[in-house]
Amino acid sequence: MRIIPAIDIIEGKCVRLSKGDYGTKKVYNENPLEVAKKFEAHGIRHLHLVDLDGAKSKHIVNHKILEQIATRTDLKIDFGGGLKTDADLHIAFESGAHQITGGSIAVKDRETFMGWIHTYGADRIILGADAMDEKVAVSGWQEESSEELVPFIRSYRTKGIEYVICTDISKDGMLEGPSFELYRKIIETSNAMETAVGPAGDGAGAVPPLKLIASGGISTFDELPRLAQMGCEGTIIGKAIYENRIGLKQLEHYILSI
C-alpha cells in the first residue's frame, strides 16, 4: 500500500482543515516545499497536493507551488482542487503533476471529465469520491450532491476509472480513525463487479481493478496495516503527521518493509 502524505494549500501555506471547514484552518508551515522535502528525506515517494484556494475559486490557483515541489523533489504528485477546465488540467500537468484528482467536475460535468480520461489515460486521472453520509460532496465539500457514493464510483469504474480517492468528510481532520466499513463496502462492491464481468482486457464490459486510496481520519500507525489488508492501494495521511501522531520514521520503516 502506498503511503501518500497530504499538503493542503491556502494562500501559499501548508494548512489542515477539519471536515473541510475553512473556518477551522490551522497553518502548520509557511513553506510547502520545505514540508515536501522533509517527506522525501524519509523515503516518501508520493504526495497528495490540494489547492484549497482553487477549490473555493473553482479554477487552479496554486500551480506555482506545484511546479516548485515538482521541480525540486522527485515526489510523484497527485494534484487536485479547482480543476474545472481543459486549461486548468493543462496547467496542472505542465506544472509537474503526475496525476490529477477530479471531484466536483466528475459530478457536474461528466463529459469534460470523461474527455480527460480519454486524453490523458486512466492512469493519470483519479476520481475524487468524497462523501458525507454516503452522498458525494462537491465544491470544496461546501455542497452535497444527490449522487450516492457507491453507485457513483461504480458508474465511473465501468467507464475505465482505476484510481479512486474516497474521503469520509465526517472523519477528515478529526483524528478519530478512518471509515473502515465504508472502504470495505466499496471494495466488496468492486470485487463483485470484477467477478461479474471479468478482469480488464477480457472484452466489452470489462472493468479495471479498483485502486482505492483511503483518505480522512487516519490517526495511528496501527490503522495502516489494517487498510492494506483490506485491499486499499494507498492511504492519504494529513493531520496525523502534522500533529506527530504518526512519525515520519515510522512511515519510513513501513515503506522499506513493503
C-alpha atoms as a PDB file:
ATOM      1  CA  MET A   1       0.000   0.000   0.000  1.00  0.00           C
ATOM      2  CA  ARG A   2       1.337   3.413  -0.974  1.00  0.00           C
ATOM      3  CA  ILE A   3       1.832   5.997   1.754  1.00  0.00           C
ATOM      4  CA  ILE A   4       0.725   9.413   0.493  1.00  0.00           C
ATOM      5  CA  PRO A   5       1.156  12.409   2.806  1.00  0.00           C
ATOM      6  CA  ALA A   6      -1.076  15.404   2.113  1.00  0.00           C
ATOM      7  CA  ILE A   7      -0.177  19.043   1.734  1.00  0.00           C
ATOM      8  CA  ASP A   8      -3.198  21.364   1.591  1.00  0.00           C
ATOM      9  CA  ILE A   9      -2.522  24.910   0.401  1.00  0.00           C
ATOM     10  CA  ILE A  10      -4.233  28.161   1.333  1.00  0.00           C
ATOM     11  CA  GLU A  11      -2.522  31.459   0.457  1.00  0.00           C
ATOM     12  CA  GLY A  12       0.697  29.586  -0.249  1.00  0.00           C
ATOM     13  CA  LYS A  13       0.826  27.991   3.216  1.00  0.00           C
ATOM     14  CA  CYS A  14       0.578  24.388   4.373  1.00  0.00           C
ATOM     15  CA  VAL A  15      -2.671  24.061   6.321  1.00  0.00           C
ATOM     16  CA  ARG A  16      -5.165  21.499   7.589  1.00  0.00           C
ATOM     17  CA  LEU A  17      -8.927  21.806   7.952  1.00  0.00           C
ATOM     18  CA  SER A  18     -11.424  19.782   9.975  1.00  0.00           C
ATOM     19  CA  LYS A  19     -14.305  18.266   7.975  1.00  0.00           C
ATOM     20  CA  GLY A  20     -13.434  20.580   5.089  1.00  0.00           C
ATOM     21  CA  ASP A  21     -14.464  23.675   7.067  1.00  0.00           C
ATOM     22  CA  TYR A  22     -12.317  26.648   6.004  1.00  0.00           C
ATOM     23  CA  GLY A  23     -13.111  28.287   9.352  1.00  0.00           C
ATOM     24  CA  THR A  24     -11.056  25.605  11.125  1.00  0.00           C
ATOM     25  CA  LYS A  25      -7.879  26.386   9.165  1.00  0.00           C
ATOM     26  CA  LYS A  26      -4.644  25.739  11.029  1.00  0.00           C
ATOM     27  CA  VAL A  27      -1.320  26.730   9.475  1.00  0.00           C
ATOM     28  CA  TYR A  28       1.438  24.166  10.029  1.00  0.00           C
ATOM     29  CA  ASN A  29       4.168  25.555   7.820  1.00  0.00           C
ATOM     30  CA  GLU A  30       4.513  28.610   5.598  1.00  0.00           C
ATOM     31  CA  ASN A  31       6.818  26.767   3.185  1.00  0.00           C
ATOM     32  CA  PRO A  32       5.179  23.759   1.460  1.00  0.00           C
ATOM     33  CA  LEU A  33       8.411  22.924  -0.369  1.00  0.00           C
ATOM     34  CA  GLU A  34      10.176  22.527   2.962  1.00  0.00           C
ATOM     35  CA  VAL A  35       7.484  20.087   4.088  1.00  0.00           C
ATOM     36  CA  ALA A  36       7.689  18.135   0.817  1.00  0.00           C
ATOM     37  CA  LYS A  37      11.466  17.835   1.082  1.00  0.00           C
ATOM     38  CA  LYS A  38      11.125  16.548   4.633  1.00  0.00           C
ATOM     39  CA  PHE A  39       8.718  13.851   3.416  1.00  0.00           C
ATOM     40  CA  GLU A  40      11.122  12.862   0.639  1.00  0.00           C
ATOM     41  CA  ALA A  41      14.038  12.675   3.061  1.00  0.00           C
ATOM     42  CA  HIS A  42      12.126   9.947   4.944  1.00  0.00           C
ATOM     43  CA  GLY A  43      11.594   7.735   1.919  1.00  0.00           C
ATOM     44  CA  ILE A  44       8.194   9.100   0.890  1.00  0.00           C
ATOM     45  CA  ARG A  45       7.701   8.835  -2.872  1.00  0.00           C
ATOM     46  CA  HIS A  46       4.181  10.166  -3.322  1.00  0.00           C
ATOM     47  CA  LEU A  47       2.378  13.383  -2.389  1.00  0.00           C
ATOM     48  CA  HIS A  48      -1.266  14.469  -2.378  1.00  0.00           C
ATOM     49  CA  LEU A  49      -1.271  18.225  -3.049  1.00  0.00           C
ATOM     50  CA  VAL A  50      -4.579  20.063  -2.680  1.00  0.00           C
ATOM     51  CA  ASP A  51      -5.199  23.600  -3.894  1.00  0.00           C
ATOM     52  CA  LEU A  52      -7.842  24.712  -1.382  1.00  0.00           C
ATOM     53  CA  ASP A  53      -7.823  28.222  -2.827  1.00  0.00           C
ATOM     54  CA  GLY A  54      -8.538  26.638  -6.192  1.00  0.00           C
ATOM     55  CA  ALA A  55     -11.366  24.512  -4.778  1.00  0.00           C
ATOM     56  CA  LYS A  56     -13.010  27.668  -3.443  1.00  0.00           C
ATOM     57  CA  SER A  57     -12.308  29.771  -6.544  1.00  0.00           C
ATOM     58  CA  LYS A  58     -13.304  26.964  -8.980  1.00  0.00           C
ATOM     59  CA  HIS A  59     -10.119  27.293 -11.017  1.00  0.00           C
ATOM     60  CA  ILE A  60      -6.484  26.374 -10.454  1.00  0.00           C
ATOM     61  CA  VAL A  61      -4.671  28.875  -8.209  1.00  0.00           C
ATOM     62  CA  ASN A  62      -1.556  27.397  -6.567  1.00  0.00           C
ATOM     63  CA  HIS A  63       0.123  25.874  -9.629  1.00  0.00           C
ATOM     64  CA  LYS A  64       3.378  27.707  -8.858  1.00  0.00           C
ATOM     65  CA  ILE A  65       3.708  25.728  -5.619  1.00  0.00           C
ATOM     66  CA  LEU A  66       3.022  22.540  -7.562  1.00  0.00           C
ATOM     67  CA  GLU A  67       5.753  23.482 -10.025  1.00  0.00           C
ATOM     68  CA  GLN A  68       8.174  24.328  -7.220  1.00  0.00           C
ATOM     69  CA  ILE A  69       7.704  20.965  -5.484  1.00  0.00           C
ATOM     70  CA  ALA A  70       7.732  19.021  -8.766  1.00  0.00           C
ATOM     71  CA  THR A  71      10.990  20.571  -9.960  1.00  0.00           C
ATOM     72  CA  ARG A  72      12.817  20.471  -6.632  1.00  0.00           C
ATOM     73  CA  THR A  73      11.845  16.977  -5.439  1.00  0.00           C
ATOM     74  CA  ASP A  74      11.315  13.592  -7.105  1.00  0.00           C
ATOM     75  CA  LEU A  75       7.911  13.108  -5.471  1.00  0.00           C
ATOM     76  CA  LYS A  76       5.096  11.813  -7.672  1.00  0.00           C
ATOM     77  CA  ILE A  77       2.377  14.370  -7.069  1.00  0.00           C
ATOM     78  CA  ASP A  78      -1.340  13.951  -7.451  1.00  0.00           C
ATOM     79  CA  PHE A  79      -2.890  17.399  -7.595  1.00  0.00           C
ATOM     80  CA  GLY A  80      -6.468  18.476  -7.013  1.00  0.00           C
ATOM     81  CA  GLY A  81      -8.615  21.444  -6.138  1.00  0.00           C
ATOM     82  CA  GLY A  82     -10.447  23.694  -8.565  1.00  0.00           C
ATOM     83  CA  LEU A  83      -9.693  21.772 -11.744  1.00  0.00           C
ATOM     84  CA  LYS A  84     -12.703  22.601 -13.905  1.00  0.00           C
ATOM     85  CA  THR A  85     -11.499  23.127 -17.479  1.00  0.00           C
ATOM     86  CA  ASP A  86      -9.141  21.629 -20.027  1.00  0.00           C
ATOM     87  CA  ALA A  87      -6.956  24.711 -19.492  1.00  0.00           C
ATOM     88  CA  ASP A  88      -6.749  24.012 -15.732  1.00  0.00           C
ATOM     89  CA  LEU A  89      -5.691  20.442 -16.442  1.00  0.00           C
ATOM     90  CA  HIS A  90      -3.075  21.550 -18.957  1.00  0.00           C
ATOM     91  CA  ILE A  91      -1.587  23.938 -16.389  1.00  0.00           C
ATOM     92  CA  ALA A  92      -1.519  21.201 -13.720  1.00  0.00           C
ATOM     93  CA  PHE A  93       0.307  18.696 -15.908  1.00  0.00           C
ATOM     94  CA  GLU A  94       2.643  21.364 -17.334  1.00  0.00           C
ATOM     95  CA  SER A  95       3.463  22.353 -13.739  1.00  0.00           C
ATOM     96  CA  GLY A  96       4.558  18.803 -12.913  1.00  0.00           C
ATOM     97  CA  ALA A  97       1.551  16.856 -11.667  1.00  0.00           C
ATOM     98  CA  HIS A  98       1.956  13.096 -12.095  1.00  0.00           C
ATOM     99  CA  GLN A  99      -1.798  12.596 -11.659  1.00  0.00           C
ATOM    100  CA  ILE A 100      -4.764  14.890 -11.090  1.00  0.00           C
ATOM    101  CA  THR A 101      -7.833  14.355  -8.955  1.00  0.00           C
ATOM    102  CA  GLY A 102     -11.240  15.420 -10.250  1.00  0.00           C
ATOM    103  CA  GLY A 103     -14.110  15.559  -7.791  1.00  0.00           C
ATOM    104  CA  SER A 104     -16.748  18.226  -8.433  1.00  0.00           C
ATOM    105  CA  ILE A 105     -16.117  18.101 -12.185  1.00  0.00           C
ATOM    106  CA  ALA A 106     -16.907  14.374 -12.221  1.00  0.00           C
ATOM    107  CA  VAL A 107     -20.350  15.172 -10.801  1.00  0.00           C
ATOM    108  CA  LYS A 108     -21.175  18.446 -12.552  1.00  0.00           C
ATOM    109  CA  ASP A 109     -19.569  17.968 -15.971  1.00  0.00           C
ATOM    110  CA  ARG A 110     -19.149  14.286 -16.756  1.00  0.00           C
ATOM    111  CA  GLU A 111     -18.450  14.971 -20.433  1.00  0.00           C
ATOM    112  CA  THR A 112     -15.375  17.067 -19.643  1.00  0.00           C
ATOM    113  CA  PHE A 113     -14.142  14.594 -17.023  1.00  0.00           C
ATOM    114  CA  MET A 114     -14.533  11.675 -19.425  1.00  0.00           C
ATOM    115  CA  GLY A 115     -12.642  13.708 -22.030  1.00  0.00           C
ATOM    116  CA  TRP A 116      -9.730  13.955 -19.593  1.00  0.00           C
ATOM    117  CA  ILE A 117      -9.680  10.180 -19.149  1.00  0.00           C
ATOM    118  CA  HIS A 118      -9.649   9.655 -22.914  1.00  0.00           C
ATOM    119  CA  THR A 119      -6.979  12.317 -23.492  1.00  0.00           C
ATOM    120  CA  TYR A 120      -4.564  11.551 -20.663  1.00  0.00           C
ATOM    121  CA  GLY A 121      -5.359   7.924 -19.778  1.00  0.00           C
ATOM    122  CA  ALA A 122      -6.973   6.337 -16.730  1.00  0.00           C
ATOM    123  CA  ASP A 123      -3.571   6.007 -15.035  1.00  0.00           C
ATOM    124  CA  ARG A 124      -3.297   9.810 -14.748  1.00  0.00           C
ATOM    125  CA  ILE A 125      -6.854  10.722 -13.763  1.00  0.00           C
ATOM    126  CA  ILE A 126      -8.100   9.977 -10.233  1.00  0.00           C
ATOM    127  CA  LEU A 127     -11.776  10.071  -9.326  1.00  0.00           C
ATOM    128  CA  GLY A 128     -12.269  12.105  -6.160  1.00  0.00           C
ATOM    129  CA  ALA A 129     -15.249  10.491  -4.453  1.00  0.00           C
ATOM    130  CA  ASP A 130     -15.669  12.421  -1.230  1.00  0.00           C
ATOM    131  CA  ALA A 131     -18.834  11.971   0.750  1.00  0.00           C
ATOM    132  CA  MET A 132     -20.918  12.837   3.778  1.00  0.00           C
ATOM    133  CA  ASP A 133     -23.370  10.125   4.825  1.00  0.00           C
ATOM    134  CA  GLU A 134     -22.532   8.300   1.574  1.00  0.00           C
ATOM    135  CA  LYS A 135     -23.655  11.247  -0.578  1.00  0.00           C
ATOM    136  CA  VAL A 136     -20.990  12.734  -2.849  1.00  0.00           C
ATOM    137  CA  ALA A 137     -19.899  16.265  -1.857  1.00  0.00           C
ATOM    138  CA  VAL A 138     -18.686  18.917  -4.299  1.00  0.00           C
ATOM    139  CA  SER A 139     -17.295  22.468  -4.450  1.00  0.00           C
ATOM    140  CA  GLY A 140     -14.614  22.007  -1.824  1.00  0.00           C
ATOM    141  CA  TRP A 141     -17.103  19.976   0.254  1.00  0.00           C
ATOM    142  CA  GLN A 142     -19.339  23.024   0.580  1.00  0.00           C
ATOM    143  CA  GLU A 143     -22.212  21.323  -1.273  1.00  0.00           C
ATOM    144  CA  GLU A 144     -23.808  17.895  -1.089  1.00  0.00           C
ATOM    145  CA  SER A 145     -24.956  16.390  -4.373  1.00  0.00           C
ATOM    146  CA  SER A 146     -27.735  13.872  -4.938  1.00  0.00           C
ATOM    147  CA  GLU A 147     -25.177  11.256  -6.039  1.00  0.00           C
ATOM    148  CA  GLU A 148     -24.998   8.114  -3.921  1.00  0.00           C
ATOM    149  CA  LEU A 149     -21.339   7.291  -3.289  1.00  0.00           C
ATOM    150  CA  VAL A 150     -21.094   3.599  -4.191  1.00  0.00           C
ATOM    151  CA  PRO A 151     -23.181   3.771  -7.406  1.00  0.00           C
ATOM    152  CA  PHE A 152     -21.217   6.908  -8.372  1.00  0.00           C
ATOM    153  CA  ILE A 153     -17.920   5.038  -8.079  1.00  0.00           C
ATOM    154  CA  ARG A 154     -19.377   2.002  -9.830  1.00  0.00           C
ATOM    155  CA  SER A 155     -20.569   4.060 -12.798  1.00  0.00           C
ATOM    156  CA  TYR A 156     -17.110   5.506 -13.375  1.00  0.00           C
ATOM    157  CA  ARG A 157     -15.480   2.109 -12.969  1.00  0.00           C
ATOM    158  CA  THR A 158     -17.486   0.906 -15.981  1.00  0.00           C
ATOM    159  CA  LYS A 159     -16.065   3.870 -17.916  1.00  0.00           C
ATOM    160  CA  GLY A 160     -12.452   2.932 -17.218  1.00  0.00           C
ATOM    161  CA  ILE A 161     -11.565   4.732 -13.982  1.00  0.00           C
ATOM    162  CA  GLU A 162      -8.998   2.795 -11.930  1.00  0.00           C
ATOM    163  CA  TYR A 163      -7.865   5.189  -9.191  1.00  0.00           C
ATOM    164  CA  VAL A 164     -10.405   6.430  -6.648  1.00  0.00           C
ATOM    165  CA  ILE A 165      -9.691   8.632  -3.631  1.00  0.00           C
ATOM    166  CA  CYS A 166     -12.502   8.312  -1.111  1.00  0.00           C
ATOM    167  CA  THR A 167     -12.750  10.665   1.845  1.00  0.00           C
ATOM    168  CA  ASP A 168     -15.420  10.379   4.500  1.00  0.00           C
ATOM    169  CA  ILE A 169     -15.757  14.099   5.257  1.00  0.00           C
ATOM    170  CA  SER A 170     -17.082  13.436   8.754  1.00  0.00           C
ATOM    171  CA  LYS A 171     -13.722  11.831   9.566  1.00  0.00           C
ATOM    172  CA  ASP A 172     -11.393  14.261   7.806  1.00  0.00           C
ATOM    173  CA  GLY A 173      -9.016  16.049  10.155  1.00  0.00           C
ATOM    174  CA  MET A 174     -10.725  14.607  13.233  1.00  0.00           C
ATOM    175  CA  LEU A 175      -8.038  12.041  14.178  1.00  0.00           C
ATOM    176  CA  GLU A 176     -10.766   9.546  15.076  1.00  0.00           C
ATOM    177  CA  GLY A 177      -9.784   6.749  12.713  1.00  0.00           C
ATOM    178  CA  PRO A 178     -10.757   6.082   9.079  1.00  0.00           C
ATOM    179  CA  SER A 179     -14.071   4.727   7.741  1.00  0.00           C
ATOM    180  CA  PHE A 180     -13.082   1.067   7.564  1.00  0.00           C
ATOM    181  CA  GLU A 181     -16.649  -0.094   6.935  1.00  0.00           C
ATOM    182  CA  LEU A 182     -17.141   2.352   4.078  1.00  0.00           C
ATOM    183  CA  TYR A 183     -13.923   1.246   2.380  1.00  0.00           C
ATOM    184  CA  ARG A 184     -14.856  -2.395   2.892  1.00  0.00           C
ATOM    185  CA  LYS A 185     -18.225  -1.752   1.251  1.00  0.00           C
ATOM    186  CA  ILE A 186     -16.575  -0.080  -1.762  1.00  0.00           C
ATOM    187  CA  ILE A 187     -14.006  -2.866  -2.137  1.00  0.00           C
ATOM    188  CA  GLU A 188     -16.612  -5.644  -1.815  1.00  0.00           C
ATOM    189  CA  THR A 189     -18.808  -3.952  -4.429  1.00  0.00           C
ATOM    190  CA  SER A 190     -15.787  -3.645  -6.691  1.00  0.00           C
ATOM    191  CA  ASN A 191     -14.873  -7.304  -6.274  1.00  0.00           C
ATOM    192  CA  ALA A 192     -18.444  -8.271  -7.146  1.00  0.00           C
ATOM    193  CA  MET A 193     -18.256  -6.159 -10.317  1.00  0.00           C
ATOM    194  CA  GLU A 194     -14.988  -7.720 -11.409  1.00  0.00           C
ATOM    195  CA  THR A 195     -16.322 -11.217 -10.777  1.00  0.00           C
ATOM    196  CA  ALA A 196     -19.476 -10.479 -12.756  1.00  0.00           C
ATOM    197  CA  VAL A 197     -17.868  -9.023 -15.884  1.00  0.00           C
ATOM    198  CA  GLY A 198     -14.322 -10.363 -15.777  1.00  0.00           C
ATOM    199  CA  PRO A 199     -10.991  -8.561 -15.496  1.00  0.00           C
ATOM    200  CA  ALA A 200      -9.982  -5.665 -17.712  1.00  0.00           C
ATOM    201  CA  GLY A 201      -8.843  -6.802 -21.102  1.00  0.00           C
ATOM    202  CA  ASP A 202     -11.461  -9.540 -21.441  1.00  0.00           C
ATOM    203  CA  GLY A 203     -13.537  -7.526 -23.854  1.00  0.00           C
ATOM    204  CA  ALA A 204     -16.566  -5.263 -23.812  1.00  0.00           C
ATOM    205  CA  GLY A 205     -17.967  -4.509 -20.405  1.00  0.00           C
ATOM    206  CA  ALA A 206     -14.787  -5.423 -18.518  1.00  0.00           C
ATOM    207  CA  VAL A 207     -13.839  -3.164 -15.621  1.00  0.00           C
ATOM    208  CA  PRO A 208     -10.299  -2.360 -14.469  1.00  0.00           C
ATOM    209  CA  PRO A 209      -9.165  -3.439 -10.988  1.00  0.00           C
ATOM    210  CA  LEU A 210     -10.031  -0.842  -8.354  1.00  0.00           C
ATOM    211  CA  LYS A 211      -7.144   1.108  -6.840  1.00  0.00           C
ATOM    212  CA  LEU A 212      -8.814   2.601  -3.784  1.00  0.00           C
ATOM    213  CA  ILE A 213      -6.953   5.311  -1.901  1.00  0.00           C
ATOM    214  CA  ALA A 214      -8.315   5.783   1.626  1.00  0.00           C
ATOM    215  CA  SER A 215      -8.391   9.322   2.969  1.00  0.00           C
ATOM    216  CA  GLY A 216      -9.639  11.004   6.103  1.00  0.00           C
ATOM    217  CA  GLY A 217      -9.354  10.275   9.798  1.00  0.00           C
ATOM    218  CA  ILE A 218      -6.042   8.403   9.886  1.00  0.00           C
ATOM    219  CA  SER A 219      -4.926   8.780  13.488  1.00  0.00           C
ATOM    220  CA  THR A 220      -2.483   5.994  14.438  1.00  0.00           C
ATOM    221  CA  PHE A 221       0.140   3.913  12.690  1.00  0.00           C
ATOM    222  CA  ASP A 222      -1.719   0.668  13.505  1.00  0.00           C
ATOM    223  CA  GLU A 223      -4.512   1.657  11.135  1.00  0.00           C
ATOM    224  CA  LEU A 224      -2.213   1.465   8.116  1.00  0.00           C
ATOM    225  CA  PRO A 225      -1.638  -2.331   8.004  1.00  0.00           C
ATOM    226  CA  ARG A 226      -5.360  -2.809   8.525  1.00  0.00           C
ATOM    227  CA  LEU A 227      -6.162  -0.660   5.479  1.00  0.00           C
ATOM    228  CA  ALA A 228      -3.546  -2.547   3.465  1.00  0.00           C
ATOM    229  CA  GLN A 229      -5.007  -5.892   4.490  1.00  0.00           C
ATOM    230  CA  MET A 230      -8.460  -4.734   3.372  1.00  0.00           C
ATOM    231  CA  GLY A 231      -7.100  -4.087  -0.104  1.00  0.00           C
ATOM    232  CA  CYS A 232      -6.575  -0.321  -0.194  1.00  0.00           C
ATOM    233  CA  GLU A 233      -3.999   0.602  -2.843  1.00  0.00           C
ATOM    234  CA  GLY A 234      -2.915   3.707  -0.954  1.00  0.00           C
ATOM    235  CA  THR A 235      -3.724   5.904   2.002  1.00  0.00           C
ATOM    236  CA  ILE A 236      -3.522   9.667   2.389  1.00  0.00           C
ATOM    237  CA  ILE A 237      -2.255  10.904   5.747  1.00  0.00           C
ATOM    238  CA  GLY A 238      -2.559  14.514   6.816  1.00  0.00           C
ATOM    239  CA  LYS A 239      -3.124  15.830  10.319  1.00  0.00           C
ATOM    240  CA  ALA A 240      -1.755  12.666  11.989  1.00  0.00           C
ATOM    241  CA  ILE A 241       1.673  13.559  10.594  1.00  0.00           C
ATOM    242  CA  TYR A 242       1.461  17.261  11.399  1.00  0.00           C
ATOM    243  CA  GLU A 243       0.255  16.556  14.955  1.00  0.00           C
ATOM    244  CA  ASN A 244       3.004  13.929  15.436  1.00  0.00           C
ATOM    245  CA  ARG A 245       0.518  11.085  15.930  1.00  0.00           C
ATOM    246  CA  ILE A 246       2.420   9.166  13.239  1.00  0.00           C
ATOM    247  CA  GLY A 247       6.164   9.722  12.934  1.00  0.00           C
ATOM    248  CA  LEU A 248       7.957  10.046   9.612  1.00  0.00           C
ATOM    249  CA  LYS A 249      10.467   7.469  10.865  1.00  0.00           C
ATOM    250  CA  GLN A 250       7.616   5.012  11.364  1.00  0.00           C
ATOM    251  CA  LEU A 251       6.455   5.638   7.815  1.00  0.00           C
ATOM    252  CA  GLU A 252       9.999   5.281   6.506  1.00  0.00           C
ATOM    253  CA  HIS A 253      10.354   1.854   8.157  1.00  0.00           C
ATOM    254  CA  TYR A 254       6.922   0.804   6.874  1.00  0.00           C
ATOM    255  CA  ILE A 255       7.808   1.783   3.291  1.00  0.00           C
ATOM    256  CA  LEU A 256      11.097  -0.106   3.494  1.00  0.00           C
ATOM    257  CA  SER A 257       9.281  -3.212   4.738  1.00  0.00           C
ATOM    258  CA  ILE A 258       6.848  -3.485   1.804  1.00  0.00           C
END
